[in-house]
Structures are given as structure tokens and as C-alpha cells.
């Protein structure tokens, strides 16, 4: 792996580490632009399982529930809060999605898989759950299953930015650099100003810098 490719691999993990999960769990920054600062503070690719998807950052952190103030849930543990809310209403898809993200970021992959599966039991076409579940499988080492699932999402929703971005991560980790670049390019074109769009373009730029600096064959 070249130095540029290694930087991208680290960048994939750091980009996720810099994302603020909607329930308040964060690693110190909520924008892709802050990834370099997080890296210099000691964040490394080894701190997260391979192939983390990006997590939406365009939602406001919900206000603490009244139950939290009464001590019914640990206000310092967002996963505990989500688990309590899910127990109160197991059909709340939004909570299940947030719980899946939180489990995934905590490397609790089996629980993340269950949360996303619970969403799909209620809404079989929920793209967020499909992408999340595919990335759980990828983190568990089932790359072929993850690829097939993400391609299925894109067959139904060709403009799903997160699916393109996540498929790029899967391809990159498998050494399919050209395919990864193509998926990042697609993700960047869909919504260039979004966090995922900017992050995707930064990886495309790194790969193009590498290509332009590669020695020409005789």
C-alpha cells in the first residue's frame, strides 16, 4: 500500500471518529474538516473497526429527557439512554437507527446488527438500515455480503450518497482502488456540500494526487 493509500485508510476511520452521533456520543469533532486535527490528537485507524460508515451530523442533539433528570437513565451514557427509549417503544425506528449507529461506533457489532435488523423487520426498504447493516457485515469480515447488499441498495436508489460512500470504503479495504475512487466520485457529485460529499471529494483528490505523481511506464 502506498503512502497516499495509507493516508486514505486512516482518513476513513478518522472521518468517522470526527462525526458527532445524533445522541451526543462524539470523538471530538463533527466535521470532516476537523479530521486532521483529530489525527494529530492521537486518533488512528486502529481505534475503529474497518469500514465505518459516516454518520449523519445534520441533526440537532436531542434535549435530555425528563427521565434522565430523575436518574432513570445514565445521562453520561448515550447508549443507555437509547436502550431505555427502545425498551419503552421497540417500534421506534429512529431510535433503533441511532442505537445501531451507537453500537457500531462502540464496536458492539452483534448488537448493531440486531438493531438494524429490527428496523428492517418493520421497514424492509429502509436504506439507512440496509447501509448500516452492510457495514456491520463488512466490519465482521463478510465483505462479499456487504458489497452485494450495498449494490442492491444502489440498484433501487442510484443517488443514495451514503451507499456510494460506504461501498467505496468496502472496495478500498479490498484493494479495489479504482472502484473505490469511482464510488467516491459518485458520492461527491450527488451532494458536494454535504459532509459526506466533501469527505468523498477529499479521498478522490488524494488518489488523483497519487496518480499524477506516479512514475510513467516506458
Protein backbone atom coordinates (compact mmCIF):
# COMPACT_ATOMS: atom_id res chain seq x y z
CA UNK A 1 0.00 0.00 0.00
CA UNK A 2 1.36 3.41 -0.96
CA UNK A 3 1.66 6.31 1.45
CA UNK A 4 -1.35 8.03 -0.14
CA UNK A 5 -3.46 4.89 0.17
CA UNK A 6 -2.42 4.54 3.80
CA UNK A 7 -3.45 8.13 4.43
CA UNK A 8 -6.85 7.44 2.92
CA UNK A 9 -7.29 4.32 5.05
CA UNK A 10 -6.55 6.36 8.15
CA UNK A 11 -8.75 9.14 6.84
CA UNK A 12 -11.72 6.81 6.50
CA UNK A 13 -11.51 5.91 10.17
CA UNK A 14 -10.69 9.43 11.32
CA UNK A 15 -13.57 10.87 9.32
CA UNK A 16 -15.93 8.66 11.27
CA UNK A 17 -14.21 9.34 14.57
CA UNK A 18 -14.78 13.06 13.93
CA UNK A 19 -18.52 12.60 13.48
CA UNK A 20 -20.95 13.53 16.22
CA UNK A 21 -23.58 10.85 16.67
CA UNK A 22 -27.02 12.41 16.97
CA UNK A 23 -27.48 11.24 20.55
CA UNK A 24 -24.40 13.08 21.74
CA UNK A 25 -21.63 10.49 21.54
CA UNK A 26 -18.65 12.07 19.80
CA UNK A 27 -14.92 11.74 19.35
CA UNK A 28 -14.08 15.41 19.49
CA UNK A 29 -15.33 16.90 16.21
CA UNK A 30 -18.34 16.87 13.92
CA UNK A 31 -16.92 17.97 10.56
CA UNK A 32 -14.70 16.22 8.07
CA UNK A 33 -12.58 19.35 8.02
CA UNK A 34 -11.56 18.59 11.59
CA UNK A 35 -10.26 15.13 10.80
CA UNK A 36 -6.64 16.25 10.55
CA UNK A 37 -6.82 17.89 13.96
CA UNK A 38 -8.27 14.71 15.44
CA UNK A 39 -5.49 12.68 13.82
CA UNK A 40 -2.83 14.88 15.35
CA UNK A 41 -4.50 14.41 18.71
CA UNK A 42 -3.85 10.67 18.53
CA UNK A 43 -6.79 9.19 16.60
CA UNK A 44 -5.69 6.22 14.49
CA UNK A 45 -7.35 3.74 12.18
CA UNK A 46 -6.85 1.00 14.76
CA UNK A 47 -9.29 2.67 17.15
CA UNK A 48 -12.27 1.72 14.99
CA UNK A 49 -13.27 -1.45 13.13
CA UNK A 50 -12.62 -1.41 9.40
CA UNK A 51 -15.21 0.18 7.16
CA UNK A 52 -17.16 2.50 9.41
CA UNK A 53 -19.86 4.37 7.54
CA UNK A 54 -20.30 8.05 8.02
CA UNK A 55 -22.99 9.11 10.45
CA UNK A 56 -25.40 11.96 9.78
CA UNK A 57 -24.37 15.16 11.53
CA UNK A 58 -27.12 17.47 10.30
CA UNK A 59 -29.48 16.76 13.16
CA UNK A 60 -29.51 18.60 16.44
CA UNK A 61 -28.68 16.71 19.58
CA UNK A 62 -31.98 15.96 21.32
CA UNK A 63 -32.65 17.58 24.64
CA UNK A 64 -32.27 15.37 27.68
CA UNK A 65 -35.47 13.57 28.62
CA UNK A 66 -37.16 14.27 31.89
CA UNK A 67 -36.44 10.69 32.92
CA UNK A 68 -32.73 11.41 32.62
CA UNK A 69 -33.01 14.26 35.08
CA UNK A 70 -34.68 11.90 37.52
CA UNK A 71 -31.83 9.44 37.20
CA UNK A 72 -33.78 6.73 35.35
CA UNK A 73 -31.11 6.66 32.66
CA UNK A 74 -27.41 7.39 32.86
CA UNK A 75 -27.14 10.82 31.24
CA UNK A 76 -23.43 10.22 30.64
CA UNK A 77 -24.10 7.07 28.62
CA UNK A 78 -25.93 7.78 25.34
CA UNK A 79 -26.26 4.08 24.59
CA UNK A 80 -28.03 3.52 27.91
CA UNK A 81 -30.40 6.36 27.08
CA UNK A 82 -31.19 4.87 23.69
CA UNK A 83 -31.63 1.40 25.14
CA UNK A 84 -34.15 2.76 27.62
CA UNK A 85 -36.05 4.60 24.92
CA UNK A 86 -36.08 1.50 22.72
CA UNK A 87 -37.35 -0.61 25.60
CA UNK A 88 -40.18 1.86 26.09
CA UNK A 89 -41.12 1.74 22.39
CA UNK A 90 -39.49 -1.12 20.45
CA UNK A 91 -41.18 0.07 17.26
CA UNK A 92 -39.47 3.47 17.21
CA UNK A 93 -37.39 3.21 14.03
CA UNK A 94 -35.49 6.45 14.61
CA UNK A 95 -34.29 5.25 17.99
CA UNK A 96 -33.31 1.86 16.59
CA UNK A 97 -31.26 3.55 13.86
CA UNK A 98 -29.49 5.74 16.39
CA UNK A 99 -28.90 2.71 18.58
CA UNK A 100 -27.43 0.81 15.65
CA UNK A 101 -25.03 3.69 14.96
CA UNK A 102 -24.06 3.98 18.61
CA UNK A 103 -23.42 0.24 18.94
CA UNK A 104 -21.38 0.29 15.74
CA UNK A 105 -19.22 3.19 16.88
CA UNK A 106 -18.62 1.29 20.13
CA UNK A 107 -17.62 -1.83 18.16
CA UNK A 108 -20.58 -3.75 19.60
CA UNK A 109 -21.22 -5.27 16.20
CA UNK A 110 -23.65 -8.03 17.11
CA UNK A 111 -25.91 -5.54 18.86
CA UNK A 112 -25.61 -3.13 15.94
CA UNK A 113 -26.61 -5.92 13.59
CA UNK A 114 -29.66 -6.69 15.73
CA UNK A 115 -30.74 -3.04 15.86
CA UNK A 116 -30.55 -2.62 12.10
CA UNK A 117 -32.31 -5.96 11.61
CA UNK A 118 -35.10 -4.80 13.90
CA UNK A 119 -35.56 -1.73 11.70
CA UNK A 120 -35.70 -3.85 8.55
CA UNK A 121 -38.26 -6.16 10.14
CA UNK A 122 -40.56 -3.14 10.28
CA UNK A 123 -39.37 -1.29 7.17
CA UNK A 124 -37.71 -3.71 4.72
CA UNK A 125 -36.79 -0.87 2.34
CA UNK A 126 -35.17 1.41 4.93
CA UNK A 127 -31.97 2.44 3.16
CA UNK A 128 -30.23 3.74 6.30
CA UNK A 129 -30.66 0.37 7.99
CA UNK A 130 -29.59 -1.50 4.85
CA UNK A 131 -26.39 0.54 4.57
CA UNK A 132 -25.70 0.30 8.29
CA UNK A 133 -26.19 -3.46 8.29
CA UNK A 134 -23.94 -3.87 5.25
CA UNK A 135 -21.16 -2.02 7.02
CA UNK A 136 -21.60 -4.18 10.12
CA UNK A 137 -21.09 -7.23 7.91
CA UNK A 138 -18.02 -5.62 6.39
CA UNK A 139 -16.58 -4.90 9.83
CA UNK A 140 -17.25 -8.53 10.73
CA UNK A 141 -15.24 -9.64 7.69
CA UNK A 142 -18.11 -10.60 5.37
CA UNK A 143 -17.06 -8.29 2.56
CA UNK A 144 -18.87 -10.10 -0.25
CA UNK A 145 -22.16 -9.90 1.60
CA UNK A 146 -21.59 -6.21 2.34
CA UNK A 147 -20.82 -5.45 -1.31
CA UNK A 148 -23.87 -7.32 -2.55
CA UNK A 149 -26.13 -5.53 -0.07
CA UNK A 150 -24.82 -2.09 -0.95
CA UNK A 151 -25.13 -2.74 -4.67
CA UNK A 152 -28.72 -3.83 -4.06
CA UNK A 153 -29.41 -0.54 -2.28
CA UNK A 154 -27.91 1.37 -5.20
CA UNK A 155 -29.91 -0.61 -7.74
CA UNK A 156 -33.04 0.69 -6.03
CA UNK A 157 -31.65 4.14 -5.13
CA UNK A 158 -28.85 5.17 -7.52
CA UNK A 159 -28.50 8.55 -5.80
CA UNK A 160 -28.06 7.26 -2.25
CA UNK A 161 -24.91 9.15 -1.24
CA UNK A 162 -24.21 7.12 1.89
CA UNK A 163 -24.45 3.85 -0.03
CA UNK A 164 -21.91 5.06 -2.61
CA UNK A 165 -19.59 6.30 0.13
CA UNK A 166 -19.87 3.08 2.10
CA UNK A 167 -19.31 0.92 -0.99
CA UNK A 168 -16.17 2.94 -1.68
CA UNK A 169 -14.88 2.06 1.79
CA UNK A 170 -15.57 -1.63 1.18
CA UNK A 171 -13.83 -1.53 -2.20
CA UNK A 172 -10.86 0.38 -0.82
CA UNK A 173 -10.32 -2.05 2.02
CA UNK A 174 -10.37 -4.89 -0.53
CA UNK A 175 -7.66 -3.20 -2.59
CA UNK A 176 -10.03 -2.21 -5.41
CA UNK A 177 -8.72 1.32 -5.57
CA UNK A 178 -10.18 2.23 -8.96
CA UNK A 179 -13.64 1.06 -7.95
CA UNK A 180 -13.37 2.91 -4.64
CA UNK A 181 -12.43 6.12 -6.42
CA UNK A 182 -15.39 5.77 -8.79
CA UNK A 183 -17.81 5.37 -5.88
CA UNK A 184 -16.32 8.35 -4.01
CA UNK A 185 -16.66 10.41 -7.19
CA UNK A 186 -20.33 9.47 -7.45
CA UNK A 187 -20.91 10.30 -3.78
CA UNK A 188 -19.20 13.67 -4.18
CA UNK A 189 -21.34 14.59 -7.19
CA UNK A 190 -24.66 13.80 -5.51
CA UNK A 191 -24.39 16.50 -2.85
CA UNK A 192 -20.98 18.18 -2.98
CA UNK A 193 -21.57 20.47 0.00
CA UNK A 194 -22.60 17.75 2.46
CA UNK A 195 -20.14 16.30 4.94
CA UNK A 196 -20.12 13.02 3.04
CA UNK A 197 -19.70 14.84 -0.26
CA UNK A 198 -16.71 16.84 0.96
CA UNK A 199 -15.17 13.79 2.56
CA UNK A 200 -15.61 11.78 -0.62
CA UNK A 201 -14.00 14.50 -2.72
CA UNK A 202 -11.02 14.67 -0.37
CA UNK A 203 -10.36 10.96 -0.95
CA UNK A 204 -10.72 11.40 -4.72
CA UNK A 205 -8.23 14.28 -4.59
CA UNK A 206 -5.72 12.17 -2.65
CA UNK A 207 -5.97 9.35 -5.18
CA UNK A 208 -5.60 11.74 -8.09
CA UNK A 209 -2.56 13.31 -6.45
CA UNK A 210 -1.07 9.84 -6.19
CA UNK A 211 -1.84 9.09 -9.83
CA UNK A 212 -0.30 12.32 -11.03
CA UNK A 213 2.85 11.63 -9.06
CA UNK A 214 3.22 8.01 -10.15
CA UNK A 215 6.17 7.28 -12.49
CA UNK A 216 5.14 6.85 -16.14
CA UNK A 217 5.64 3.43 -17.72
CA UNK A 218 8.08 3.25 -20.62
